Amino acid sequence: MAKKNNEFKIGEIVVYPKHGVGEIIKIESMEIENIKTKFYVVKMEQSKLTIRVPLEKQNEVGLRKISSKKIIDEVYNTLKLKPKIRRIMWSRRAQEYDAKIFSGEPIKIAEVVRDLFRKNSQSDQSYSERQMFQVAIERLAREVAAVEKTDYFQSTEKIEQILIKK
């Protein structure tokens, strides 16, 4: 099998769109019903979860390297923009936000964080809006922390400072 560009190495930090940031801790082979398959074993940092991703399914599940600093700069610019709140039913907006969060794309996640952020002076949010905001900011902060080599708390603080200053 030829080595593809998108093969990952042990110790590499990756993003698994459904679960967030993790580290490839090993590559193992398993035989399932006489079919030998290689898996990336990904330890997810926040959820104490270990995921096995078959090498041939990595594109399908969206496994990718963490973003570049350039993308994180775009994330910060996105956070500075005016929120775009569509005047549609919450259930429909929630579906759109969910799709953005689970796309694993930091700029789309930043849009959700920006659109759901509320300053203390602003109107209250529903429980589900707050929950969705928490999922989005955690996902974004973990990737920012991985790219900027800081920790989750520092990156969360940085994101919140950008949102507050708008």
Foldseek 3Di string as FASTA:
>chain_A
DDDDPFDDDAQAWKAQLVQAIWGQNDWDWDADPNRIFIWGWTQRPPPRDTDTHTPVCCVVRPIGHQDAVVQVVLLLVLLLDAQDDDPDDPVVVVVLLVCLSSVLRLNSLSNLLNNLDDDPPDDDDDPVSVVSNVSSLQRNLCSVCVNVVHDSVVSSVVSVVSNVVD
